[in-house]
Amino acid sequence: MKISMKQMIIIIAIAIILLIICLGANIYRWKIEEERRKTLINYVYALSNIPFGEISDIGSTIKYLIDHNATDEILRYQISIYFHNTRILSYSSAMLQILTGDEKYRLFLLAMNNLKSFLITVKNKPNIREILRDNLDILSRIEEMFESISRIGNLTFDEAEKIFELSGKLKY
């Protein structure tokens, strides 16, 4: 069975048309997925804005409560609020790291996990006031970092690294 030149051209033309159709479908599917990814990133940014803002007063609030002789129960309550905010930020960072592949979000996730561990441990210690007072300088420096960044979408790698380093210095 011999294939004529005309038949060969038709077969090649059909193959090229099928290839173009498959390529077009894949490009369309990729564009849809890229739009979904961008939408998810924007939702995660929005989810992070409030907890990010809440953490940006951690040093000054703890200092105020200690200076004004707040009860240990009030300190524990405030620590609980910060714990929940760091938990949201750690989940958000994990999602952003997966969605963007950006290493700064992994560092920020580790920093939030350090801060979260510190807060939950301190909350359950009988000498909460003393531990917080001993870590007030670091908490204030973390606050300054958060204030200068203002939202997770503005975070740079260097800032994430600095927050991670600071959170690793917390002692309990």
C-alpha atoms as a PDB file:
ATOM      1  CA  MET A   1       0.000   0.000   0.000  1.00  0.00           C
ATOM      2  CA  LYS A   2       1.627   3.121  -1.256  1.00  0.00           C
ATOM      3  CA  ILE A   3       0.725   6.557  -0.003  1.00  0.00           C
ATOM      4  CA  SER A   4       0.588   9.226  -2.611  1.00  0.00           C
ATOM      5  CA  MET A   5       2.102  12.642  -2.125  1.00  0.00           C
ATOM      6  CA  LYS A   6      -1.384  14.143  -1.903  1.00  0.00           C
ATOM      7  CA  GLN A   7      -2.376  11.702   0.847  1.00  0.00           C
ATOM      8  CA  MET A   8       0.864  12.413   2.711  1.00  0.00           C
ATOM      9  CA  ILE A   9       0.157  16.155   2.641  1.00  0.00           C
ATOM     10  CA  ILE A  10      -3.373  15.556   3.944  1.00  0.00           C
ATOM     11  CA  ILE A  11      -2.054  13.369   6.787  1.00  0.00           C
ATOM     12  CA  ILE A  12       0.563  15.978   7.724  1.00  0.00           C
ATOM     13  CA  ALA A  13      -2.043  18.764   7.545  1.00  0.00           C
ATOM     14  CA  ILE A  14      -4.413  16.794   9.817  1.00  0.00           C
ATOM     15  CA  ALA A  15      -1.558  16.101  12.252  1.00  0.00           C
ATOM     16  CA  ILE A  16      -0.630  19.801  12.329  1.00  0.00           C
ATOM     17  CA  ILE A  17      -4.288  20.810  12.848  1.00  0.00           C
ATOM     18  CA  LEU A  18      -4.632  18.303  15.708  1.00  0.00           C
ATOM     19  CA  LEU A  19      -1.385  19.541  17.211  1.00  0.00           C
ATOM     20  CA  ILE A  20      -2.599  23.157  17.032  1.00  0.00           C
ATOM     21  CA  ILE A  21      -5.936  22.179  18.635  1.00  0.00           C
ATOM     22  CA  CYS A  22      -4.170  20.330  21.477  1.00  0.00           C
ATOM     23  CA  LEU A  23      -1.740  23.201  21.978  1.00  0.00           C
ATOM     24  CA  GLY A  24      -4.588  25.717  22.028  1.00  0.00           C
ATOM     25  CA  ALA A  25      -6.540  23.651  24.566  1.00  0.00           C
ATOM     26  CA  ASN A  26      -3.468  23.373  26.796  1.00  0.00           C
ATOM     27  CA  ILE A  27      -2.757  27.106  26.603  1.00  0.00           C
ATOM     28  CA  TYR A  28      -6.394  27.843  27.462  1.00  0.00           C
ATOM     29  CA  ARG A  29      -6.298  25.425  30.416  1.00  0.00           C
ATOM     30  CA  TRP A  30      -3.000  26.960  31.603  1.00  0.00           C
ATOM     31  CA  LYS A  31      -4.487  30.489  31.438  1.00  0.00           C
ATOM     32  CA  ILE A  32      -7.521  29.378  33.466  1.00  0.00           C
ATOM     33  CA  GLU A  33      -5.287  27.759  36.107  1.00  0.00           C
ATOM     34  CA  GLU A  34      -3.047  30.829  36.218  1.00  0.00           C
ATOM     35  CA  GLU A  35      -6.088  33.046  36.841  1.00  0.00           C
ATOM     36  CA  ARG A  36      -7.246  30.713  39.615  1.00  0.00           C
ATOM     37  CA  ARG A  37      -3.782  30.783  41.173  1.00  0.00           C
ATOM     38  CA  LYS A  38      -3.698  34.593  41.095  1.00  0.00           C
ATOM     39  CA  THR A  39      -7.165  34.727  42.640  1.00  0.00           C
ATOM     40  CA  LEU A  40      -6.098  32.354  45.424  1.00  0.00           C
ATOM     41  CA  ILE A  41      -3.001  34.446  46.113  1.00  0.00           C
ATOM     42  CA  ASN A  42      -5.159  37.562  46.420  1.00  0.00           C
ATOM     43  CA  TYR A  43      -7.527  35.760  48.809  1.00  0.00           C
ATOM     44  CA  VAL A  44      -4.599  34.632  50.959  1.00  0.00           C
ATOM     45  CA  TYR A  45      -3.248  38.189  51.015  1.00  0.00           C
ATOM     46  CA  ALA A  46      -6.664  39.435  52.132  1.00  0.00           C
ATOM     47  CA  LEU A  47      -6.917  36.689  54.763  1.00  0.00           C
ATOM     48  CA  SER A  48      -3.535  37.724  56.147  1.00  0.00           C
ATOM     49  CA  ASN A  49      -4.105  41.476  56.378  1.00  0.00           C
ATOM     50  CA  ILE A  50      -5.935  41.572  59.716  1.00  0.00           C
ATOM     51  CA  PRO A  51      -3.695  39.098  61.599  1.00  0.00           C
ATOM     52  CA  PHE A  52      -0.636  40.833  60.153  1.00  0.00           C
ATOM     53  CA  GLY A  53      -1.903  44.152  61.479  1.00  0.00           C
ATOM     54  CA  GLU A  54      -2.706  42.647  64.863  1.00  0.00           C
ATOM     55  CA  ILE A  55       0.817  41.270  65.302  1.00  0.00           C
ATOM     56  CA  SER A  56       2.232  44.684  64.438  1.00  0.00           C
ATOM     57  CA  ASP A  57       1.494  45.877  67.986  1.00  0.00           C
ATOM     58  CA  ILE A  58       2.755  42.849  69.922  1.00  0.00           C
ATOM     59  CA  GLY A  59       5.681  44.559  71.657  1.00  0.00           C
ATOM     60  CA  SER A  60       3.917  47.772  72.645  1.00  0.00           C
ATOM     61  CA  THR A  61       0.769  46.008  73.845  1.00  0.00           C
ATOM     62  CA  ILE A  62       2.681  43.511  75.992  1.00  0.00           C
ATOM     63  CA  LYS A  63       4.813  46.354  77.395  1.00  0.00           C
ATOM     64  CA  TYR A  64       1.707  48.397  78.169  1.00  0.00           C
ATOM     65  CA  LEU A  65       0.016  45.479  79.924  1.00  0.00           C
ATOM     66  CA  ILE A  66       3.121  44.706  81.994  1.00  0.00           C
ATOM     67  CA  ASP A  67       3.744  48.381  82.857  1.00  0.00           C
ATOM     68  CA  HIS A  68       0.136  48.835  83.955  1.00  0.00           C
ATOM     69  CA  ASN A  69       0.105  45.711  86.109  1.00  0.00           C
ATOM     70  CA  ALA A  70      -2.419  43.771  84.055  1.00  0.00           C
ATOM     71  CA  THR A  71      -3.374  40.484  85.635  1.00  0.00           C
ATOM     72  CA  ASP A  72      -1.839  37.251  84.409  1.00  0.00           C
ATOM     73  CA  GLU A  73      -5.281  36.322  83.057  1.00  0.00           C
ATOM     74  CA  ILE A  74      -5.330  39.430  80.866  1.00  0.00           C
ATOM     75  CA  LEU A  75      -1.801  38.679  79.684  1.00  0.00           C
ATOM     76  CA  ARG A  76      -2.842  35.115  78.871  1.00  0.00           C
ATOM     77  CA  TYR A  77      -5.899  36.377  76.997  1.00  0.00           C
ATOM     78  CA  GLN A  78      -3.789  38.768  74.907  1.00  0.00           C
ATOM     79  CA  ILE A  79      -1.244  36.019  74.248  1.00  0.00           C
ATOM     80  CA  SER A  80      -4.109  33.804  73.022  1.00  0.00           C
ATOM     81  CA  ILE A  81      -5.132  36.477  70.527  1.00  0.00           C
ATOM     82  CA  TYR A  82      -1.568  36.745  69.238  1.00  0.00           C
ATOM     83  CA  PHE A  83      -1.312  32.947  69.084  1.00  0.00           C
ATOM     84  CA  HIS A  84      -4.406  32.732  66.853  1.00  0.00           C
ATOM     85  CA  ASN A  85      -3.078  35.481  64.601  1.00  0.00           C
ATOM     86  CA  THR A  86       0.298  33.767  64.215  1.00  0.00           C
ATOM     87  CA  ARG A  87      -1.487  30.520  63.408  1.00  0.00           C
ATOM     88  CA  ILE A  88      -3.428  32.220  60.606  1.00  0.00           C
ATOM     89  CA  LEU A  89      -0.215  33.800  59.321  1.00  0.00           C
ATOM     90  CA  SER A  90       1.608  30.464  59.373  1.00  0.00           C
ATOM     91  CA  TYR A  91      -1.199  28.821  57.354  1.00  0.00           C
ATOM     92  CA  SER A  92      -1.260  31.770  54.959  1.00  0.00           C
ATOM     93  CA  SER A  93       2.510  31.606  54.528  1.00  0.00           C
ATOM     94  CA  ALA A  94       2.321  27.905  53.730  1.00  0.00           C
ATOM     95  CA  MET A  95      -0.339  28.545  51.099  1.00  0.00           C
ATOM     96  CA  LEU A  96       1.641  31.424  49.576  1.00  0.00           C
ATOM     97  CA  GLN A  97       4.814  29.341  49.488  1.00  0.00           C
ATOM     98  CA  ILE A  98       2.967  26.590  47.613  1.00  0.00           C
ATOM     99  CA  LEU A  99       1.204  29.006  45.254  1.00  0.00           C
ATOM    100  CA  THR A 100       4.235  31.163  44.449  1.00  0.00           C
ATOM    101  CA  GLY A 101       7.211  28.931  45.194  1.00  0.00           C
ATOM    102  CA  ASP A 102       8.804  31.973  46.858  1.00  0.00           C
ATOM    103  CA  GLU A 103      11.263  31.047  49.602  1.00  0.00           C
ATOM    104  CA  LYS A 104      10.440  34.157  51.654  1.00  0.00           C
ATOM    105  CA  TYR A 105       7.084  32.645  52.579  1.00  0.00           C
ATOM    106  CA  ARG A 106       8.747  29.483  53.863  1.00  0.00           C
ATOM    107  CA  LEU A 107      11.009  31.591  56.078  1.00  0.00           C
ATOM    108  CA  PHE A 108       8.036  33.615  57.269  1.00  0.00           C
ATOM    109  CA  LEU A 109       6.157  30.374  58.001  1.00  0.00           C
ATOM    110  CA  LEU A 110       9.069  29.192  60.143  1.00  0.00           C
ATOM    111  CA  ALA A 111       9.156  32.547  61.922  1.00  0.00           C
ATOM    112  CA  MET A 112       5.416  32.373  62.662  1.00  0.00           C
ATOM    113  CA  ASN A 113       5.835  28.812  63.931  1.00  0.00           C
ATOM    114  CA  ASN A 114       8.607  29.996  66.268  1.00  0.00           C
ATOM    115  CA  LEU A 115       6.453  32.850  67.515  1.00  0.00           C
ATOM    116  CA  LYS A 116       3.448  30.565  67.839  1.00  0.00           C
ATOM    117  CA  SER A 117       5.450  28.046  69.897  1.00  0.00           C
ATOM    118  CA  PHE A 118       6.751  30.821  72.106  1.00  0.00           C
ATOM    119  CA  LEU A 119       3.264  32.227  72.705  1.00  0.00           C
ATOM    120  CA  ILE A 120       1.583  28.907  73.515  1.00  0.00           C
ATOM    121  CA  THR A 121       4.425  27.909  75.844  1.00  0.00           C
ATOM    122  CA  VAL A 122       4.481  31.266  77.626  1.00  0.00           C
ATOM    123  CA  LYS A 123       0.715  31.224  78.028  1.00  0.00           C
ATOM    124  CA  ASN A 124       0.974  28.034  80.063  1.00  0.00           C
ATOM    125  CA  LYS A 125       3.884  29.109  82.278  1.00  0.00           C
ATOM    126  CA  PRO A 126       3.282  30.348  85.837  1.00  0.00           C
ATOM    127  CA  ASN A 127       5.907  33.107  85.407  1.00  0.00           C
ATOM    128  CA  ILE A 128       4.323  34.586  82.267  1.00  0.00           C
ATOM    129  CA  ARG A 129       5.060  38.185  83.238  1.00  0.00           C
ATOM    130  CA  GLU A 130       8.775  37.503  83.782  1.00  0.00           C
ATOM    131  CA  ILE A 131       9.172  35.606  80.501  1.00  0.00           C
ATOM    132  CA  LEU A 132       7.384  38.324  78.555  1.00  0.00           C
ATOM    133  CA  ARG A 133       9.471  41.050  80.199  1.00  0.00           C
ATOM    134  CA  ASP A 134      12.677  39.146  79.313  1.00  0.00           C
ATOM    135  CA  ASN A 135      11.580  38.919  75.663  1.00  0.00           C
ATOM    136  CA  LEU A 136      10.088  42.395  75.344  1.00  0.00           C
ATOM    137  CA  ASP A 137      13.008  43.756  73.303  1.00  0.00           C
ATOM    138  CA  ILE A 138      12.681  40.977  70.714  1.00  0.00           C
ATOM    139  CA  LEU A 139       8.896  41.317  70.587  1.00  0.00           C
ATOM    140  CA  SER A 140       9.303  45.075  70.051  1.00  0.00           C
ATOM    141  CA  ARG A 141      11.774  44.464  67.226  1.00  0.00           C
ATOM    142  CA  ILE A 142       9.349  41.991  65.622  1.00  0.00           C
ATOM    143  CA  GLU A 143       6.643  44.660  65.975  1.00  0.00           C
ATOM    144  CA  GLU A 144       8.861  47.200  64.200  1.00  0.00           C
ATOM    145  CA  MET A 145       9.422  44.773  61.342  1.00  0.00           C
ATOM    146  CA  PHE A 146       5.693  44.144  60.980  1.00  0.00           C
ATOM    147  CA  GLU A 147       4.911  47.857  61.083  1.00  0.00           C
ATOM    148  CA  SER A 148       7.448  48.643  58.357  1.00  0.00           C
ATOM    149  CA  ILE A 149       6.108  45.872  56.109  1.00  0.00           C
ATOM    150  CA  SER A 150       2.391  46.588  56.811  1.00  0.00           C
ATOM    151  CA  ARG A 151       1.090  43.492  54.953  1.00  0.00           C
ATOM    152  CA  ILE A 152       2.305  40.088  53.877  1.00  0.00           C
ATOM    153  CA  GLY A 153       2.231  41.044  50.197  1.00  0.00           C
ATOM    154  CA  ASN A 154       4.967  43.624  50.849  1.00  0.00           C
ATOM    155  CA  LEU A 155       7.276  41.131  52.580  1.00  0.00           C
ATOM    156  CA  THR A 156      10.772  40.800  51.131  1.00  0.00           C
ATOM    157  CA  PHE A 157      13.143  37.878  51.529  1.00  0.00           C
ATOM    158  CA  ASP A 158      15.466  39.929  53.762  1.00  0.00           C
ATOM    159  CA  GLU A 159      12.576  40.968  56.016  1.00  0.00           C
ATOM    160  CA  ALA A 160      11.339  37.383  56.284  1.00  0.00           C
ATOM    161  CA  GLU A 161      14.851  36.277  57.155  1.00  0.00           C
ATOM    162  CA  LYS A 162      15.172  38.992  59.822  1.00  0.00           C
ATOM    163  CA  ILE A 163      11.803  38.087  61.401  1.00  0.00           C
ATOM    164  CA  PHE A 164      12.846  34.432  61.377  1.00  0.00           C
ATOM    165  CA  GLU A 165      16.130  35.297  63.121  1.00  0.00           C
ATOM    166  CA  LEU A 166      14.344  37.418  65.720  1.00  0.00           C
ATOM    167  CA  SER A 167      11.712  34.759  66.414  1.00  0.00           C
ATOM    168  CA  GLY A 168      14.478  32.226  66.962  1.00  0.00           C
ATOM    169  CA  LYS A 169      15.882  34.390  69.775  1.00  0.00           C
ATOM    170  CA  LEU A 170      12.707  34.212  71.876  1.00  0.00           C
ATOM    171  CA  LYS A 171      13.447  32.391  75.144  1.00  0.00           C
ATOM    172  CA  TYR A 172      11.002  30.518  77.288  1.00  0.00           C
END
